[in-house]
């Protein structure tokens, strides 16, 4: 009997995380080779044109390999925790709600449709895990020491001109902040629900 490749076993264990990374890779490739097509069908919009998928699809658009790799690594670490212990459907709900919220927040702040990336969702997952583990502590949900502080510090650093100057690109700070706040709210809600279930069940 042949042994399954490691990547295949990981993909089966975390199908939603894997799918999000694959779609992000495809979005990044499309941006690199045909941005006009990506802009026409995938960048933010659709409220008046009936293309409602464009409210969420900017999360898959990535501008450069570093942008994609950075988001994919954090998505792997944070999203896999949620998918493994809360389930794939639960992760999908968090991603859809936070992706929608972060995109709308960024557009409301800047009025510009030329933004993209999974960063808003990544910050939402961070906020979700952070607050849910406070409301209903679970050892498996505990993040490595210093992760929250590092990501919050990076969030505020990105709000200064330093990162934009060094990287030469704009940063969707409103999407990051909107995602973080929505994730924290979701973490609080689901954490309190879990705590109440535990109290009534005991």
N, C-alpha and C. Protein backbone atom coordinates (compact mmCIF):
# COMPACT_ATOMS: atom_id res chain seq x y z
N UNK A 1 0.85 -1.19 0.00
CA UNK A 1 0.00 0.00 0.00
C UNK A 1 0.89 1.24 0.00
N UNK A 2 0.66 2.13 -0.95
CA UNK A 2 1.47 3.35 -1.04
C UNK A 2 1.03 4.36 0.00
N UNK A 3 2.00 5.06 0.54
CA UNK A 3 1.72 6.06 1.56
C UNK A 3 1.32 7.37 0.91
N UNK A 4 0.31 8.02 1.48
CA UNK A 4 -0.15 9.29 0.93
C UNK A 4 0.92 10.36 1.12
N UNK A 5 1.13 11.22 0.12
CA UNK A 5 2.08 12.33 0.29
C UNK A 5 1.65 13.23 1.43
N UNK A 6 2.61 13.86 2.08
CA UNK A 6 2.33 14.71 3.23
C UNK A 6 1.38 15.85 2.86
N UNK A 7 1.61 16.47 1.69
CA UNK A 7 0.75 17.60 1.28
C UNK A 7 -0.69 17.16 1.11
N UNK A 8 -0.89 15.90 0.67
CA UNK A 8 -2.25 15.39 0.45
C UNK A 8 -2.95 15.16 1.78
N UNK A 9 -2.22 14.63 2.74
CA UNK A 9 -2.79 14.41 4.08
C UNK A 9 -3.15 15.73 4.74
N UNK A 10 -2.30 16.74 4.58
CA UNK A 10 -2.58 18.06 5.15
C UNK A 10 -3.80 18.68 4.48
N UNK A 11 -3.89 18.52 3.15
CA UNK A 11 -5.03 19.09 2.41
C UNK A 11 -6.33 18.43 2.85
N UNK A 12 -6.30 17.13 3.11
CA UNK A 12 -7.51 16.44 3.57
C UNK A 12 -7.89 16.85 4.99
N UNK A 13 -6.88 17.10 5.81
CA UNK A 13 -7.15 17.47 7.20
C UNK A 13 -7.66 18.90 7.30
N UNK A 14 -7.16 19.78 6.42
CA UNK A 14 -7.56 21.19 6.46
C UNK A 14 -8.04 21.63 5.07
N UNK A 15 -9.19 21.14 4.63
CA UNK A 15 -9.65 21.44 3.27
C UNK A 15 -9.96 22.92 3.02
N UNK A 16 -10.51 23.59 4.02
CA UNK A 16 -10.86 25.00 3.83
C UNK A 16 -9.60 25.87 3.77
N UNK A 17 -8.68 25.65 4.70
CA UNK A 17 -7.42 26.40 4.69
C UNK A 17 -6.69 26.17 3.37
N UNK A 18 -6.62 24.92 2.95
CA UNK A 18 -5.95 24.59 1.69
C UNK A 18 -6.61 25.28 0.52
N UNK A 19 -7.93 25.26 0.47
CA UNK A 19 -8.67 25.90 -0.62
C UNK A 19 -8.43 27.41 -0.64
N UNK A 20 -8.41 28.03 0.53
CA UNK A 20 -8.18 29.47 0.61
C UNK A 20 -6.78 29.83 0.09
N UNK A 21 -5.79 29.01 0.43
CA UNK A 21 -4.42 29.27 -0.03
C UNK A 21 -4.32 29.08 -1.54
N UNK A 22 -4.96 28.03 -2.06
CA UNK A 22 -4.94 27.79 -3.51
C UNK A 22 -5.62 28.93 -4.26
N UNK A 23 -6.78 29.37 -3.77
CA UNK A 23 -7.50 30.48 -4.41
C UNK A 23 -6.68 31.78 -4.33
N UNK A 24 -5.98 31.97 -3.22
CA UNK A 24 -5.12 33.14 -3.08
C UNK A 24 -3.96 33.09 -4.07
N UNK A 25 -3.41 31.90 -4.27
CA UNK A 25 -2.32 31.74 -5.24
C UNK A 25 -2.82 32.05 -6.65
N UNK A 26 -4.01 31.55 -6.98
CA UNK A 26 -4.58 31.81 -8.30
C UNK A 26 -4.88 33.30 -8.48
N UNK A 27 -5.39 33.92 -7.40
CA UNK A 27 -5.64 35.36 -7.46
C UNK A 27 -4.37 36.16 -7.66
N UNK A 28 -3.30 35.74 -6.98
CA UNK A 28 -2.01 36.41 -7.14
C UNK A 28 -1.46 36.25 -8.54
N UNK A 29 -1.61 35.05 -9.11
CA UNK A 29 -1.14 34.81 -10.48
C UNK A 29 -1.93 35.66 -11.47
N UNK A 30 -3.25 35.74 -11.27
CA UNK A 30 -4.08 36.54 -12.17
C UNK A 30 -3.70 38.01 -12.10
N UNK A 31 -3.46 38.51 -10.90
CA UNK A 31 -3.05 39.91 -10.74
C UNK A 31 -1.73 40.16 -11.47
N UNK A 32 -0.80 39.21 -11.37
CA UNK A 32 0.52 39.38 -11.97
C UNK A 32 0.47 39.38 -13.49
N UNK A 33 -0.39 38.54 -14.06
CA UNK A 33 -0.38 38.36 -15.50
C UNK A 33 -1.48 39.12 -16.24
N UNK A 34 -2.59 39.38 -15.56
CA UNK A 34 -3.69 40.10 -16.24
C UNK A 34 -4.51 40.85 -15.21
N UNK A 35 -3.94 41.97 -14.71
CA UNK A 35 -4.62 42.72 -13.67
C UNK A 35 -5.96 43.29 -14.15
N UNK A 36 -6.04 43.64 -15.43
CA UNK A 36 -7.28 44.20 -15.95
C UNK A 36 -8.43 43.21 -15.81
N UNK A 37 -8.14 41.92 -16.01
CA UNK A 37 -9.17 40.89 -15.85
C UNK A 37 -9.55 40.73 -14.39
N UNK A 38 -8.53 40.73 -13.52
CA UNK A 38 -8.79 40.63 -12.09
C UNK A 38 -9.61 41.82 -11.61
N UNK A 39 -9.27 43.00 -12.10
CA UNK A 39 -9.98 44.21 -11.70
C UNK A 39 -11.42 44.18 -12.19
N UNK A 40 -11.62 43.65 -13.38
CA UNK A 40 -12.95 43.65 -13.97
C UNK A 40 -13.92 42.74 -13.23
N UNK A 41 -13.42 41.60 -12.75
CA UNK A 41 -14.32 40.61 -12.19
C UNK A 41 -14.15 40.33 -10.70
N UNK A 42 -13.01 40.69 -10.11
CA UNK A 42 -12.73 40.25 -8.75
C UNK A 42 -12.49 41.36 -7.74
N UNK A 43 -12.11 42.57 -8.17
CA UNK A 43 -11.86 43.61 -7.17
C UNK A 43 -13.18 44.07 -6.58
N UNK A 44 -13.10 44.87 -5.54
CA UNK A 44 -14.29 45.24 -4.77
C UNK A 44 -15.33 45.94 -5.65
N UNK A 45 -16.58 45.61 -5.40
CA UNK A 45 -17.69 46.22 -6.15
C UNK A 45 -18.87 45.27 -6.18
N UNK A 46 -19.75 45.48 -7.11
CA UNK A 46 -20.85 44.55 -7.32
C UNK A 46 -22.14 44.89 -6.63
N UNK A 47 -22.14 45.91 -5.77
CA UNK A 47 -23.36 46.23 -5.04
C UNK A 47 -24.44 46.71 -6.00
N UNK A 48 -24.06 47.54 -6.94
CA UNK A 48 -25.04 48.07 -7.89
C UNK A 48 -25.07 47.28 -9.19
N UNK A 49 -23.99 46.57 -9.51
CA UNK A 49 -23.93 45.84 -10.77
C UNK A 49 -24.41 44.41 -10.68
N UNK A 50 -24.82 43.96 -9.53
CA UNK A 50 -25.30 42.60 -9.37
C UNK A 50 -24.20 41.56 -9.24
N UNK A 51 -22.94 41.98 -9.22
CA UNK A 51 -21.81 41.04 -9.07
C UNK A 51 -21.43 40.96 -7.59
N UNK A 52 -22.30 40.36 -6.83
CA UNK A 52 -22.15 40.40 -5.38
C UNK A 52 -20.93 39.64 -4.87
N UNK A 53 -20.43 38.71 -5.67
CA UNK A 53 -19.22 37.99 -5.25
C UNK A 53 -18.04 38.93 -5.07
N UNK A 54 -18.10 40.10 -5.72
CA UNK A 54 -16.99 41.05 -5.64
C UNK A 54 -16.92 41.75 -4.28
N UNK A 55 -17.90 41.49 -3.42
CA UNK A 55 -17.82 41.99 -2.05
C UNK A 55 -16.81 41.18 -1.25
N UNK A 56 -16.55 39.92 -1.67
CA UNK A 56 -15.67 39.05 -0.91
C UNK A 56 -14.39 38.70 -1.67
N UNK A 57 -14.43 38.67 -3.00
CA UNK A 57 -13.29 38.18 -3.78
C UNK A 57 -12.00 38.98 -3.65
N UNK A 58 -12.00 40.25 -3.24
CA UNK A 58 -10.71 40.93 -3.04
C UNK A 58 -9.77 40.22 -2.08
N UNK A 59 -10.30 39.37 -1.18
CA UNK A 59 -9.42 38.68 -0.24
C UNK A 59 -8.47 37.72 -0.96
N UNK A 60 -8.81 37.32 -2.19
CA UNK A 60 -7.97 36.38 -2.93
C UNK A 60 -6.95 37.07 -3.83
N UNK A 61 -7.05 38.39 -3.97
CA UNK A 61 -6.12 39.12 -4.83
C UNK A 61 -4.86 39.46 -4.03
N UNK A 62 -3.72 39.02 -4.54
CA UNK A 62 -2.46 39.29 -3.85
C UNK A 62 -1.47 39.97 -4.80
N UNK A 63 -0.75 40.94 -4.25
CA UNK A 63 0.13 41.78 -5.07
C UNK A 63 1.59 41.46 -4.75
N UNK A 64 2.07 40.40 -5.36
CA UNK A 64 3.46 40.01 -5.15
C UNK A 64 3.58 38.75 -4.30
N UNK A 65 4.71 38.07 -4.44
CA UNK A 65 4.93 36.80 -3.76
C UNK A 65 5.02 36.97 -2.25
N UNK A 66 5.65 38.05 -1.77
CA UNK A 66 5.76 38.26 -0.33
C UNK A 66 4.39 38.45 0.31
N UNK A 67 3.53 39.20 -0.36
CA UNK A 67 2.17 39.43 0.11
C UNK A 67 1.45 38.09 0.27
N UNK A 68 1.56 37.24 -0.74
CA UNK A 68 0.91 35.94 -0.71
C UNK A 68 1.50 35.03 0.37
N UNK A 69 2.82 34.95 0.43
CA UNK A 69 3.48 34.06 1.39
C UNK A 69 3.18 34.47 2.83
N UNK A 70 3.26 35.78 3.10
CA UNK A 70 3.00 36.29 4.45
C UNK A 70 1.59 35.90 4.90
N UNK A 71 0.61 36.17 4.04
CA UNK A 71 -0.77 35.86 4.41
C UNK A 71 -1.02 34.35 4.52
N UNK A 72 -0.41 33.58 3.63
CA UNK A 72 -0.62 32.13 3.64
C UNK A 72 -0.04 31.49 4.90
N UNK A 73 1.11 31.95 5.34
CA UNK A 73 1.71 31.40 6.55
C UNK A 73 0.83 31.65 7.77
N UNK A 74 0.35 32.88 7.90
CA UNK A 74 -0.51 33.21 9.03
C UNK A 74 -1.85 32.49 8.92
N UNK A 75 -2.37 32.39 7.70
CA UNK A 75 -3.63 31.66 7.50
C UNK A 75 -3.47 30.19 7.89
N UNK A 76 -2.33 29.62 7.55
CA UNK A 76 -2.07 28.22 7.91
C UNK A 76 -2.04 28.03 9.42
N UNK A 77 -1.36 28.94 10.12
CA UNK A 77 -1.22 28.80 11.56
C UNK A 77 -2.54 29.06 12.29
N UNK A 78 -3.23 30.10 11.91
CA UNK A 78 -4.44 30.50 12.62
C UNK A 78 -5.66 29.73 12.14
N UNK A 79 -5.81 29.64 10.82
CA UNK A 79 -6.99 28.97 10.27
C UNK A 79 -7.03 27.49 10.58
N UNK A 80 -5.87 26.85 10.62
CA UNK A 80 -5.85 25.41 10.91
C UNK A 80 -6.34 25.12 12.32
N UNK A 81 -6.06 26.01 13.26
CA UNK A 81 -6.55 25.82 14.63
C UNK A 81 -8.07 25.82 14.65
N UNK A 82 -8.65 26.81 13.99
CA UNK A 82 -10.11 26.91 13.97
C UNK A 82 -10.73 25.73 13.24
N UNK A 83 -10.16 25.38 12.08
CA UNK A 83 -10.74 24.29 11.29
C UNK A 83 -10.64 22.95 12.00
N UNK A 84 -9.51 22.70 12.65
CA UNK A 84 -9.31 21.41 13.30
C UNK A 84 -10.23 21.20 14.49
N UNK A 85 -10.43 22.23 15.29
CA UNK A 85 -11.16 22.05 16.54
C UNK A 85 -12.59 22.60 16.52
N UNK A 86 -12.88 23.51 15.56
CA UNK A 86 -14.24 24.04 15.48
C UNK A 86 -14.98 23.53 14.24
N UNK A 87 -14.22 23.03 13.27
CA UNK A 87 -14.85 22.48 12.08
C UNK A 87 -14.71 23.37 10.87
N UNK A 88 -14.80 22.75 9.71
CA UNK A 88 -14.64 23.48 8.44
C UNK A 88 -15.75 24.50 8.23
N UNK A 89 -16.98 24.13 8.55
CA UNK A 89 -18.11 25.06 8.38
C UNK A 89 -17.93 26.30 9.25
N UNK A 90 -17.47 26.10 10.46
CA UNK A 90 -17.24 27.22 11.37
C UNK A 90 -16.19 28.17 10.78
N UNK A 91 -15.12 27.62 10.25
CA UNK A 91 -14.09 28.45 9.64
C UNK A 91 -14.62 29.21 8.44
N UNK A 92 -15.42 28.56 7.62
CA UNK A 92 -16.01 29.23 6.45
C UNK A 92 -16.83 30.43 6.88
N UNK A 93 -17.62 30.26 7.94
CA UNK A 93 -18.45 31.37 8.44
C UNK A 93 -17.58 32.53 8.89
N UNK A 94 -16.53 32.23 9.65
CA UNK A 94 -15.64 33.29 10.13
C UNK A 94 -14.96 34.00 8.96
N UNK A 95 -14.52 33.24 7.97
CA UNK A 95 -13.84 33.83 6.82
C UNK A 95 -14.78 34.70 6.01
N UNK A 96 -15.98 34.23 5.75
CA UNK A 96 -16.93 35.00 4.95
C UNK A 96 -17.35 36.29 5.65
N UNK A 97 -17.67 36.18 6.93
CA UNK A 97 -18.10 37.36 7.67
C UNK A 97 -16.96 38.38 7.78
N UNK A 98 -15.77 37.90 8.13
CA UNK A 98 -14.65 38.81 8.30
C UNK A 98 -14.14 39.36 6.98
N UNK A 99 -14.16 38.53 5.92
CA UNK A 99 -13.75 39.01 4.61
C UNK A 99 -14.67 40.11 4.11
N UNK A 100 -15.95 39.90 4.26
CA UNK A 100 -16.94 40.91 3.87
C UNK A 100 -16.76 42.18 4.68
N UNK A 101 -16.62 42.05 5.99
CA UNK A 101 -16.49 43.20 6.87
C UNK A 101 -15.21 43.98 6.60
N UNK A 102 -14.10 43.28 6.40
CA UNK A 102 -12.82 43.97 6.18
C UNK A 102 -12.81 44.68 4.83
N UNK A 103 -13.41 44.06 3.81
CA UNK A 103 -13.47 44.71 2.50
C UNK A 103 -14.33 45.97 2.53
N UNK A 104 -15.48 45.87 3.17
CA UNK A 104 -16.37 47.02 3.26
C UNK A 104 -15.73 48.13 4.09
N UNK A 105 -15.05 47.75 5.17
CA UNK A 105 -14.37 48.76 6.00
C UNK A 105 -13.31 49.49 5.20
N UNK A 106 -12.51 48.74 4.43
CA UNK A 106 -11.45 49.37 3.63
C UNK A 106 -12.04 50.31 2.58
N UNK A 107 -13.09 49.87 1.92
CA UNK A 107 -13.71 50.71 0.89
C UNK A 107 -14.35 51.95 1.52
N UNK A 108 -14.99 51.77 2.67
CA UNK A 108 -15.63 52.91 3.35
C UNK A 108 -14.59 53.94 3.78
N UNK A 109 -13.39 53.46 4.15
CA UNK A 109 -12.34 54.36 4.61
C UNK A 109 -11.65 55.07 3.46
N UNK A 110 -11.28 54.31 2.44
CA UNK A 110 -10.46 54.88 1.36
C UNK A 110 -11.24 55.27 0.12
N UNK A 111 -12.38 54.63 -0.11
CA UNK A 111 -13.14 54.88 -1.33
C UNK A 111 -12.47 54.30 -2.56
N UNK A 112 -11.40 53.54 -2.38
CA UNK A 112 -10.64 52.97 -3.48
C UNK A 112 -10.96 51.48 -3.60
N UNK A 113 -11.16 51.00 -4.83
CA UNK A 113 -11.48 49.58 -5.02
C UNK A 113 -10.24 48.75 -5.31
N UNK A 114 -9.10 49.40 -5.46
CA UNK A 114 -7.87 48.69 -5.82
C UNK A 114 -7.12 48.20 -4.57
N UNK A 115 -7.71 47.27 -3.87
CA UNK A 115 -7.06 46.68 -2.71
C UNK A 115 -7.36 45.18 -2.72
N UNK A 116 -6.60 44.45 -1.96
CA UNK A 116 -6.83 43.01 -1.91
C UNK A 116 -5.92 42.35 -0.90
N UNK A 117 -6.15 41.06 -0.70
CA UNK A 117 -5.33 40.29 0.21
C UNK A 117 -6.13 39.66 1.33
N UNK A 118 -5.56 38.62 1.91
CA UNK A 118 -6.19 37.86 2.98
C UNK A 118 -5.88 38.44 4.36
N UNK A 119 -5.21 39.59 4.40
CA UNK A 119 -4.75 40.12 5.69
C UNK A 119 -5.90 40.44 6.64
N UNK A 120 -7.01 40.97 6.11
CA UNK A 120 -8.15 41.28 6.96
C UNK A 120 -8.70 40.03 7.62
N UNK A 121 -8.75 38.93 6.85
CA UNK A 121 -9.21 37.65 7.40
C UNK A 121 -8.21 37.12 8.42
N UNK A 122 -6.92 37.26 8.12
CA UNK A 122 -5.88 36.82 9.05
C UNK A 122 -6.02 37.54 10.39
N UNK A 123 -6.22 38.85 10.34
CA UNK A 123 -6.39 39.61 11.59
C UNK A 123 -7.69 39.22 12.29
N UNK A 124 -8.71 38.88 11.52
CA UNK A 124 -9.96 38.43 12.12
C UNK A 124 -9.76 37.10 12.86
N UNK A 125 -9.01 36.19 12.25
CA UNK A 125 -8.72 34.92 12.91
C UNK A 125 -7.90 35.13 14.18
N UNK A 126 -6.96 36.07 14.10
CA UNK A 126 -6.17 36.40 15.29
C UNK A 126 -7.08 36.90 16.41
N UNK A 127 -7.94 37.88 16.08
CA UNK A 127 -8.85 38.43 17.07
C UNK A 127 -9.83 37.40 17.60
N UNK A 128 -10.29 36.54 16.71
CA UNK A 128 -11.24 35.48 17.09
C UNK A 128 -10.61 34.53 18.11
N UNK A 129 -9.43 34.01 17.79
CA UNK A 129 -8.77 33.05 18.68
C UNK A 129 -8.38 33.72 20.00
N UNK A 130 -7.89 34.93 19.91
CA UNK A 130 -7.45 35.67 21.09
C UNK A 130 -8.58 35.84 22.10
N UNK A 131 -9.72 36.39 21.63
CA UNK A 131 -10.82 36.70 22.54
C UNK A 131 -11.60 35.45 22.93
N UNK A 132 -11.77 34.52 22.00
CA UNK A 132 -12.51 33.29 22.33
C UNK A 132 -11.78 32.52 23.41
N UNK A 133 -10.46 32.52 23.36
CA UNK A 133 -9.70 31.78 24.37
C UNK A 133 -9.72 32.47 25.73
N UNK A 134 -10.03 33.76 25.73
CA UNK A 134 -10.22 34.46 27.00
C UNK A 134 -11.61 34.15 27.57
N UNK A 135 -12.62 34.18 26.68
CA UNK A 135 -14.00 33.94 27.13
C UNK A 135 -14.23 32.49 27.51
N UNK A 136 -13.65 31.57 26.76
CA UNK A 136 -13.80 30.14 27.04
C UNK A 136 -12.46 29.46 26.79
N UNK A 137 -11.55 29.50 27.77
CA UNK A 137 -10.18 29.00 27.58
C UNK A 137 -10.13 27.54 27.14
N UNK A 138 -9.32 27.29 26.14
CA UNK A 138 -9.06 25.94 25.64
C UNK A 138 -7.57 25.84 25.34
N UNK A 139 -6.89 24.81 25.87
CA UNK A 139 -5.45 24.67 25.64
C UNK A 139 -5.09 24.61 24.16
N UNK A 140 -5.92 23.95 23.35
CA UNK A 140 -5.60 23.81 21.93
C UNK A 140 -5.68 25.12 21.17
N UNK A 141 -6.39 26.10 21.74
CA UNK A 141 -6.59 27.38 21.05
C UNK A 141 -5.50 28.39 21.41
N UNK A 142 -4.70 28.07 22.41
CA UNK A 142 -3.68 29.00 22.87
C UNK A 142 -2.65 29.26 21.77
N UNK A 143 -2.40 30.52 21.50
CA UNK A 143 -1.41 30.89 20.48
C UNK A 143 -0.01 30.93 21.09
N UNK A 144 1.01 30.73 20.27
CA UNK A 144 2.38 30.84 20.76
C UNK A 144 2.61 32.21 21.42
N UNK A 145 3.41 32.23 22.45
CA UNK A 145 3.65 33.45 23.21
C UNK A 145 4.21 34.55 22.30
N UNK A 146 3.65 35.72 22.40
CA UNK A 146 4.15 36.87 21.66
C UNK A 146 3.48 37.10 20.31
N UNK A 147 2.65 36.14 19.84
CA UNK A 147 2.03 36.28 18.52
C UNK A 147 1.08 37.46 18.48
N UNK A 148 0.20 37.57 19.47
CA UNK A 148 -0.77 38.66 19.49
C UNK A 148 -0.06 40.01 19.56
N UNK A 149 0.92 40.12 20.43
CA UNK A 149 1.66 41.38 20.57
C UNK A 149 2.37 41.75 19.27
N UNK A 150 2.98 40.75 18.63
CA UNK A 150 3.67 41.01 17.36
C UNK A 150 2.71 41.51 16.29
N UNK A 151 1.56 40.83 16.16
CA UNK A 151 0.61 41.20 15.11
C UNK A 151 -0.04 42.56 15.37
N UNK A 152 -0.32 42.86 16.63
CA UNK A 152 -0.89 44.17 16.95
C UNK A 152 0.17 45.25 16.70
N UNK A 153 1.41 44.95 17.06
CA UNK A 153 2.49 45.89 16.79
C UNK A 153 2.67 46.13 15.30
N UNK A 154 2.59 45.06 14.52
CA UNK A 154 2.70 45.19 13.06
C UNK A 154 1.55 46.01 12.49
N UNK A 155 0.36 45.81 13.05
CA UNK A 155 -0.81 46.58 12.62
C UNK A 155 -0.57 48.08 12.78
N UNK A 156 -0.06 48.47 13.94
CA UNK A 156 0.18 49.89 14.19
C UNK A 156 1.37 50.41 13.39
N UNK A 157 2.38 49.57 13.20
CA UNK A 157 3.52 49.98 12.38
C UNK A 157 3.09 50.25 10.95
N UNK A 158 2.18 49.43 10.44
CA UNK A 158 1.69 49.62 9.07
C UNK A 158 0.90 50.91 8.92
N UNK A 159 0.40 51.44 10.02
CA UNK A 159 -0.36 52.69 9.96
C UNK A 159 0.56 53.91 9.84
N UNK A 160 1.85 53.69 10.03
CA UNK A 160 2.83 54.77 9.86
C UNK A 160 3.35 54.73 8.43
N UNK A 161 4.04 55.78 7.98
CA UNK A 161 4.57 55.78 6.62
C UNK A 161 5.77 54.85 6.42
N UNK A 162 6.28 54.25 7.51
CA UNK A 162 7.52 53.48 7.43
C UNK A 162 7.38 52.28 6.50
N UNK A 163 6.36 51.44 6.72
CA UNK A 163 6.21 50.22 5.93
C UNK A 163 5.91 50.55 4.48
N UNK A 164 5.05 51.53 4.26
CA UNK A 164 4.74 51.94 2.89
C UNK A 164 5.99 52.41 2.16
N UNK A 165 6.85 53.15 2.88
CA UNK A 165 8.09 53.64 2.28
C UNK A 165 9.04 52.49 1.96
N UNK A 166 9.19 51.55 2.89
CA UNK A 166 10.13 50.45 2.70
C UNK A 166 9.67 49.47 1.63
N UNK A 167 8.37 49.18 1.60
CA UNK A 167 7.86 48.20 0.65
C UNK A 167 7.44 48.82 -0.68
N UNK A 168 7.19 50.11 -0.66
CA UNK A 168 6.81 50.79 -1.89
C UNK A 168 5.39 50.52 -2.34
N UNK A 169 4.55 50.03 -1.43
CA UNK A 169 3.15 49.75 -1.76
C UNK A 169 2.25 50.28 -0.65
N UNK A 170 0.99 50.49 -0.99
CA UNK A 170 0.03 50.92 0.00
C UNK A 170 -0.40 49.75 0.88
N UNK A 171 -0.83 50.04 2.09
CA UNK A 171 -1.28 49.02 3.03
C UNK A 171 -2.75 49.25 3.33
N UNK A 172 -3.55 48.17 3.26
CA UNK A 172 -4.98 48.28 3.53
C UNK A 172 -5.23 48.23 5.04
N UNK A 173 -4.84 49.31 5.71
CA UNK A 173 -4.91 49.32 7.18
C UNK A 173 -6.33 49.21 7.71
N UNK A 174 -7.27 49.82 7.02
CA UNK A 174 -8.66 49.76 7.47
C UNK A 174 -9.18 48.33 7.42
N UNK A 175 -8.77 47.56 6.40
CA UNK A 175 -9.18 46.15 6.31
C UNK A 175 -8.59 45.35 7.47
N UNK A 176 -7.34 45.64 7.81
CA UNK A 176 -6.70 44.94 8.93
C UNK A 176 -7.45 45.22 10.23
N UNK A 177 -7.69 46.50 10.48
CA UNK A 177 -8.36 46.88 11.73
C UNK A 177 -9.80 46.38 11.76
N UNK A 178 -10.51 46.52 10.64
CA UNK A 178 -11.88 46.02 10.57
C UNK A 178 -11.95 44.53 10.80
N UNK A 179 -11.01 43.78 10.19
CA UNK A 179 -10.97 42.35 10.38
C UNK A 179 -10.70 41.97 11.82
N UNK A 180 -9.75 42.66 12.44
CA UNK A 180 -9.41 42.38 13.84
C UNK A 180 -10.61 42.59 14.75
N UNK A 181 -11.30 43.70 14.59
CA UNK A 181 -12.45 44.02 15.45
C UNK A 181 -13.60 43.04 15.25
N UNK A 182 -13.86 42.69 14.00
CA UNK A 182 -14.93 41.73 13.72
C UNK A 182 -14.57 40.35 14.28
N UNK A 183 -13.31 39.97 14.12
CA UNK A 183 -12.86 38.69 14.68
C UNK A 183 -12.98 38.65 16.19
N UNK A 184 -12.63 39.76 16.84
CA UNK A 184 -12.75 39.83 18.30
C UNK A 184 -14.21 39.69 18.72
N UNK A 185 -15.10 40.35 17.97
CA UNK A 185 -16.53 40.25 18.27
C UNK A 185 -17.04 38.83 18.10
N UNK A 186 -16.65 38.18 17.01
CA UNK A 186 -17.06 36.79 16.79
C UNK A 186 -16.49 35.88 17.88
N UNK A 187 -15.25 36.12 18.26
CA UNK A 187 -14.64 35.33 19.32
C UNK A 187 -15.38 35.48 20.64
N UNK A 188 -15.80 36.72 20.93
CA UNK A 188 -16.55 36.97 22.16
C UNK A 188 -17.90 36.26 22.13
N UNK A 189 -18.60 36.37 21.01
CA UNK A 189 -19.92 35.75 20.89
C UNK A 189 -19.83 34.23 21.02
N UNK A 190 -18.97 33.61 20.22
CA UNK A 190 -18.86 32.15 20.25
C UNK A 190 -18.27 31.67 21.57
N UNK A 191 -17.36 32.47 22.15
CA UNK A 191 -16.79 32.09 23.43
C UNK A 191 -17.82 32.10 24.54
N UNK A 192 -18.67 33.14 24.57
CA UNK A 192 -19.71 33.21 25.59
C UNK A 192 -20.74 32.11 25.42
N UNK A 193 -21.08 31.81 24.16
CA UNK A 193 -22.03 30.72 23.89
C UNK A 193 -21.46 29.40 24.40
N UNK A 194 -20.19 29.17 24.14
CA UNK A 194 -19.55 27.94 24.59
C UNK A 194 -19.49 27.87 26.10
N UNK A 195 -19.22 29.00 26.72
CA UNK A 195 -19.15 29.02 28.19
C UNK A 195 -20.53 28.73 28.78
N UNK A 196 -21.57 29.33 28.20
CA UNK A 196 -22.93 29.09 28.69
C UNK A 196 -23.33 27.63 28.53
N UNK A 197 -22.94 27.05 27.41
CA UNK A 197 -23.24 25.62 27.20
C UNK A 197 -22.55 24.77 28.26
N UNK A 198 -21.29 25.15 28.56
CA UNK A 198 -20.55 24.40 29.56
C UNK A 198 -21.16 24.52 30.94
N UNK A 199 -21.66 25.72 31.28
CA UNK A 199 -22.26 25.93 32.60
C UNK A 199 -23.58 25.19 32.73
N UNK A 200 -24.37 25.17 31.66
CA UNK A 200 -25.65 24.48 31.71
C UNK A 200 -25.47 22.97 31.66
N UNK A 201 -24.35 22.54 31.04
CA UNK A 201 -24.11 21.13 30.93
C UNK A 201 -23.48 20.52 32.16
N UNK A 202 -22.93 21.38 33.02
CA UNK A 202 -22.25 20.88 34.24
C UNK A 202 -23.23 20.69 35.38
